[in-house]
Every structure is written in structure tokens, then in C-alpha cells.
Amino acid sequence: MTPKQSLNPAFLKLKTTRSDIDNQESEEFHKNLVANFLWETYYLVKSFYIVEI
């Protein structure tokens, strides 16, 4: 199956311009979202449970 065959026909009818593609957020922006999520999930939460005995 080719990529064109796997796409919904409605997507093929959408007209996009180069400026639409360039105006989207950069890869760096998305990378920072994921990094912040992982940091808050795995490191920030653990710091709340550290208790001295």
C-alpha cells in the first residue's frame, strides 16, 4: 500500500502552502514539551515522597 492509498481522500483535497508548513511550531518546541512532561512525571513527583526517618 502506498502512502497516497493509505490517506483518507479528504486529506488529499486539502490545499496547503509552504507558509502553512513554515508557521508551525518547530521541532525544538515539541521536544521541550516532551522533556518537561517526562521531568515532571518522573522526577518532580518523586521529590514529594522523600521523607527523612
PDB file of N, CA and C in Angstrom:
ATOM      1  N   MET A   1       0.849  -1.164   0.000  1.00  0.00           N
ATOM      2  CA  MET A   1       0.000   0.000   0.000  1.00  0.00           C
ATOM      3  C   MET A   1       0.901   1.235   0.000  1.00  0.00           C
ATOM      4  N   THR A   2       0.650   2.139  -0.890  1.00  0.00           N
ATOM      5  CA  THR A   2       1.441   3.368  -0.975  1.00  0.00           C
ATOM      6  C   THR A   2       0.893   4.400   0.013  1.00  0.00           C
ATOM      7  N   PRO A   3       1.688   5.411   0.353  1.00  0.00           N
ATOM      8  CA  PRO A   3       1.192   6.451   1.261  1.00  0.00           C
ATOM      9  C   PRO A   3      -0.066   7.145   0.731  1.00  0.00           C
ATOM     10  N   LYS A   4      -0.130   7.346  -0.560  1.00  0.00           N
ATOM     11  CA  LYS A   4      -1.299   8.002  -1.134  1.00  0.00           C
ATOM     12  C   LYS A   4      -2.549   7.137  -0.979  1.00  0.00           C
ATOM     13  N   GLN A   5      -2.405   5.839  -1.097  1.00  0.00           N
ATOM     14  CA  GLN A   5      -3.540   4.937  -0.933  1.00  0.00           C
ATOM     15  C   GLN A   5      -3.993   4.848   0.525  1.00  0.00           C
ATOM     16  N   SER A   6      -3.062   5.002   1.447  1.00  0.00           N
ATOM     17  CA  SER A   6      -3.417   4.882   2.854  1.00  0.00           C
ATOM     18  C   SER A   6      -4.066   6.143   3.419  1.00  0.00           C
ATOM     19  N   LEU A   7      -3.919   7.274   2.734  1.00  0.00           N
ATOM     20  CA  LEU A   7      -4.523   8.519   3.216  1.00  0.00           C
ATOM     21  C   LEU A   7      -6.018   8.561   2.940  1.00  0.00           C
ATOM     22  N   ASN A   8      -6.718   9.189   3.840  1.00  0.00           N
ATOM     23  CA  ASN A   8      -8.139   9.437   3.647  1.00  0.00           C
ATOM     24  C   ASN A   8      -8.288  10.409   2.470  1.00  0.00           C
ATOM     25  N   PRO A   9      -9.218  10.188   1.543  1.00  0.00           N
ATOM     26  CA  PRO A   9      -9.383  11.081   0.394  1.00  0.00           C
ATOM     27  C   PRO A   9      -9.633  12.534   0.788  1.00  0.00           C
ATOM     28  N   ALA A  10     -10.212  12.780   1.959  1.00  0.00           N
ATOM     29  CA  ALA A  10     -10.456  14.154   2.398  1.00  0.00           C
ATOM     30  C   ALA A  10      -9.142  14.898   2.612  1.00  0.00           C
ATOM     31  N   PHE A  11      -8.125  14.194   3.092  1.00  0.00           N
ATOM     32  CA  PHE A  11      -6.833  14.844   3.301  1.00  0.00           C
ATOM     33  C   PHE A  11      -6.168  15.219   1.985  1.00  0.00           C
ATOM     34  N   LEU A  12      -6.409  14.459   0.960  1.00  0.00           N
ATOM     35  CA  LEU A  12      -5.818  14.765  -0.338  1.00  0.00           C
ATOM     36  C   LEU A  12      -6.426  16.013  -0.960  1.00  0.00           C
ATOM     37  N   LYS A  13      -7.633  16.366  -0.555  1.00  0.00           N
ATOM     38  CA  LYS A  13      -8.301  17.542  -1.107  1.00  0.00           C
ATOM     39  C   LYS A  13      -7.871  18.840  -0.433  1.00  0.00           C
ATOM     40  N   LEU A  14      -7.209  18.749   0.729  1.00  0.00           N
ATOM     41  CA  LEU A  14      -6.757  19.950   1.432  1.00  0.00           C
ATOM     42  C   LEU A  14      -5.617  20.608   0.677  1.00  0.00           C
ATOM     43  N   LYS A  15      -5.706  21.911   0.537  1.00  0.00           N
ATOM     44  CA  LYS A  15      -4.638  22.659  -0.115  1.00  0.00           C
ATOM     45  C   LYS A  15      -3.737  23.255   0.956  1.00  0.00           C
ATOM     46  N   THR A  16      -2.469  22.980   0.880  1.00  0.00           N
ATOM     47  CA  THR A  16      -1.512  23.545   1.821  1.00  0.00           C
ATOM     48  C   THR A  16      -0.484  24.357   1.060  1.00  0.00           C
ATOM     49  N   THR A  17       0.001  25.379   1.707  1.00  0.00           N
ATOM     50  CA  THR A  17       1.045  26.207   1.117  1.00  0.00           C
ATOM     51  C   THR A  17       2.311  26.074   1.952  1.00  0.00           C
ATOM     52  N   ARG A  18       3.384  26.554   1.413  1.00  0.00           N
ATOM     53  CA  ARG A  18       4.666  26.478   2.113  1.00  0.00           C
ATOM     54  C   ARG A  18       4.614  27.281   3.412  1.00  0.00           C
ATOM     55  N   SER A  19       3.908  28.406   3.408  1.00  0.00           N
ATOM     56  CA  SER A  19       3.828  29.229   4.612  1.00  0.00           C
ATOM     57  C   SER A  19       3.060  28.510   5.722  1.00  0.00           C
ATOM     58  N   ASP A  20       2.086  27.658   5.374  1.00  0.00           N
ATOM     59  CA  ASP A  20       1.381  26.870   6.394  1.00  0.00           C
ATOM     60  C   ASP A  20       2.344  25.927   7.107  1.00  0.00           C
ATOM     61  N   ILE A  21       3.232  25.359   6.371  1.00  0.00           N
ATOM     62  CA  ILE A  21       4.191  24.421   6.930  1.00  0.00           C
ATOM     63  C   ILE A  21       5.241  25.154   7.765  1.00  0.00           C
ATOM     64  N   ASP A  22       5.716  26.298   7.286  1.00  0.00           N
ATOM     65  CA  ASP A  22       6.761  27.045   7.982  1.00  0.00           C
ATOM     66  C   ASP A  22       6.262  27.709   9.250  1.00  0.00           C
ATOM     67  N   ASN A  23       4.972  28.010   9.346  1.00  0.00           N
ATOM     68  CA  ASN A  23       4.446  28.714  10.503  1.00  0.00           C
ATOM     69  C   ASN A  23       4.143  27.803  11.681  1.00  0.00           C
ATOM     70  N   GLN A  24       4.274  26.521  11.531  1.00  0.00           N
ATOM     71  CA  GLN A  24       4.004  25.603  12.625  1.00  0.00           C
ATOM     72  C   GLN A  24       5.161  25.640  13.617  1.00  0.00           C
ATOM     73  N   GLU A  25       4.896  25.172  14.830  1.00  0.00           N
ATOM     74  CA  GLU A  25       5.932  25.158  15.851  1.00  0.00           C
ATOM     75  C   GLU A  25       7.100  24.285  15.406  1.00  0.00           C
ATOM     76  N   SER A  26       8.243  24.649  15.891  1.00  0.00           N
ATOM     77  CA  SER A  26       9.449  23.938  15.487  1.00  0.00           C
ATOM     78  C   SER A  26       9.579  22.605  16.225  1.00  0.00           C
ATOM     79  N   GLU A  27      10.498  21.814  15.751  1.00  0.00           N
ATOM     80  CA  GLU A  27      10.778  20.528  16.385  1.00  0.00           C
ATOM     81  C   GLU A  27      11.295  20.748  17.808  1.00  0.00           C
ATOM     82  N   GLU A  28      12.044  21.816  18.008  1.00  0.00           N
ATOM     83  CA  GLU A  28      12.586  22.136  19.332  1.00  0.00           C
ATOM     84  C   GLU A  28      11.465  22.390  20.334  1.00  0.00           C
ATOM     85  N   PHE A  29      10.414  23.053  19.903  1.00  0.00           N
ATOM     86  CA  PHE A  29       9.263  23.338  20.768  1.00  0.00           C
ATOM     87  C   PHE A  29       8.633  22.035  21.255  1.00  0.00           C
ATOM     88  N   HIS A  30       8.411  21.102  20.334  1.00  0.00           N
ATOM     89  CA  HIS A  30       7.793  19.827  20.684  1.00  0.00           C
ATOM     90  C   HIS A  30       8.724  18.983  21.558  1.00  0.00           C
ATOM     91  N   LYS A  31      10.018  19.055  21.281  1.00  0.00           N
ATOM     92  CA  LYS A  31      10.977  18.315  22.098  1.00  0.00           C
ATOM     93  C   LYS A  31      10.942  18.816  23.539  1.00  0.00           C
ATOM     94  N   ASN A  32      10.826  20.115  23.721  1.00  0.00           N
ATOM     95  CA  ASN A  32      10.770  20.682  25.067  1.00  0.00           C
ATOM     96  C   ASN A  32       9.488  20.290  25.792  1.00  0.00           C
ATOM     97  N   LEU A  33       8.380  20.178  25.070  1.00  0.00           N
ATOM     98  CA  LEU A  33       7.139  19.724  25.696  1.00  0.00           C
ATOM     99  C   LEU A  33       7.298  18.315  26.258  1.00  0.00           C
ATOM    100  N   VAL A  34       7.881  17.439  25.475  1.00  0.00           N
ATOM    101  CA  VAL A  34       8.074  16.052  25.912  1.00  0.00           C
ATOM    102  C   VAL A  34       9.064  15.996  27.074  1.00  0.00           C
ATOM    103  N   ALA A  35      10.150  16.755  26.993  1.00  0.00           N
ATOM    104  CA  ALA A  35      11.146  16.753  28.060  1.00  0.00           C
ATOM    105  C   ALA A  35      10.545  17.258  29.365  1.00  0.00           C
ATOM    106  N   ASN A  36       9.753  18.317  29.307  1.00  0.00           N
ATOM    107  CA  ASN A  36       9.117  18.844  30.517  1.00  0.00           C
ATOM    108  C   ASN A  36       8.128  17.848  31.101  1.00  0.00           C
ATOM    109  N   PHE A  37       7.376  17.191  30.255  1.00  0.00           N
ATOM    110  CA  PHE A  37       6.426  16.184  30.723  1.00  0.00           C
ATOM    111  C   PHE A  37       7.142  15.053  31.445  1.00  0.00           C
ATOM    112  N   LEU A  38       8.204  14.536  30.842  1.00  0.00           N
ATOM    113  CA  LEU A  38       8.939  13.439  31.455  1.00  0.00           C
ATOM    114  C   LEU A  38       9.593  13.864  32.761  1.00  0.00           C
ATOM    115  N   TRP A  39      10.154  15.064  32.797  1.00  0.00           N
ATOM    116  CA  TRP A  39      10.786  15.541  34.018  1.00  0.00           C
ATOM    117  C   TRP A  39       9.760  15.667  35.146  1.00  0.00           C
ATOM    118  N   GLU A  40       8.607  16.260  34.844  1.00  0.00           N
ATOM    119  CA  GLU A  40       7.569  16.428  35.860  1.00  0.00           C
ATOM    120  C   GLU A  40       6.996  15.078  36.301  1.00  0.00           C
ATOM    121  N   THR A  41       6.918  14.132  35.393  1.00  0.00           N
ATOM    122  CA  THR A  41       6.339  12.833  35.711  1.00  0.00           C
ATOM    123  C   THR A  41       7.268  11.983  36.571  1.00  0.00           C
ATOM    124  N   TYR A  42       8.554  11.938  36.230  1.00  0.00           N
ATOM    125  CA  TYR A  42       9.449  11.001  36.889  1.00  0.00           C
ATOM    126  C   TYR A  42      10.323  11.607  37.980  1.00  0.00           C
ATOM    127  N   TYR A  43      10.580  12.913  37.939  1.00  0.00           N
ATOM    128  CA  TYR A  43      11.486  13.493  38.926  1.00  0.00           C
ATOM    129  C   TYR A  43      10.771  14.381  39.925  1.00  0.00           C
ATOM    130  N   LEU A  44       9.860  15.209  39.468  1.00  0.00           N
ATOM    131  CA  LEU A  44       9.180  16.128  40.362  1.00  0.00           C
ATOM    132  C   LEU A  44       8.298  15.387  41.356  1.00  0.00           C
ATOM    133  N   VAL A  45       7.582  14.372  40.892  1.00  0.00           N
ATOM    134  CA  VAL A  45       6.679  13.623  41.764  1.00  0.00           C
ATOM    135  C   VAL A  45       7.459  12.861  42.825  1.00  0.00           C
ATOM    136  N   LYS A  46       8.600  12.292  42.478  1.00  0.00           N
ATOM    137  CA  LYS A  46       9.390  11.525  43.439  1.00  0.00           C
ATOM    138  C   LYS A  46       9.905  12.408  44.563  1.00  0.00           C
ATOM    139  N   SER A  47      10.179  13.660  44.282  1.00  0.00           N
ATOM    140  CA  SER A  47      10.733  14.537  45.309  1.00  0.00           C
ATOM    141  C   SER A  47       9.715  14.808  46.419  1.00  0.00           C
ATOM    142  N   PHE A  48       8.421  14.664  46.148  1.00  0.00           N
ATOM    143  CA  PHE A  48       7.410  14.869  47.170  1.00  0.00           C
ATOM    144  C   PHE A  48       7.367  13.719  48.175  1.00  0.00           C
ATOM    145  N   TYR A  49       7.858  12.558  47.781  1.00  0.00           N
ATOM    146  CA  TYR A  49       7.761  11.372  48.635  1.00  0.00           C
ATOM    147  C   TYR A  49       9.020  11.117  49.451  1.00  0.00           C
ATOM    148  N   ILE A  50      10.049  11.922  49.271  1.00  0.00           N
ATOM    149  CA  ILE A  50      11.280  11.724  50.026  1.00  0.00           C
ATOM    150  C   ILE A  50      11.077  12.289  51.435  1.00  0.00           C
ATOM    151  N   VAL A  51      11.127  11.412  52.416  1.00  0.00           N
ATOM    152  CA  VAL A  51      10.881  11.807  53.801  1.00  0.00           C
ATOM    153  C   VAL A  51      12.007  11.236  54.652  1.00  0.00           C
ATOM    154  N   GLU A  52      12.551  12.068  55.522  1.00  0.00           N
ATOM    155  CA  GLU A  52      13.584  11.586  56.429  1.00  0.00           C
ATOM    156  C   GLU A  52      12.946  10.835  57.570  1.00  0.00           C
ATOM    157  N   ILE A  53      13.572   9.751  57.996  1.00  0.00           N
ATOM    158  CA  ILE A  53      13.026   8.947  59.090  1.00  0.00           C
ATOM    159  C   ILE A  53      13.747   9.280  60.368  1.00  0.00           C
TER     160      ILE A  53
END
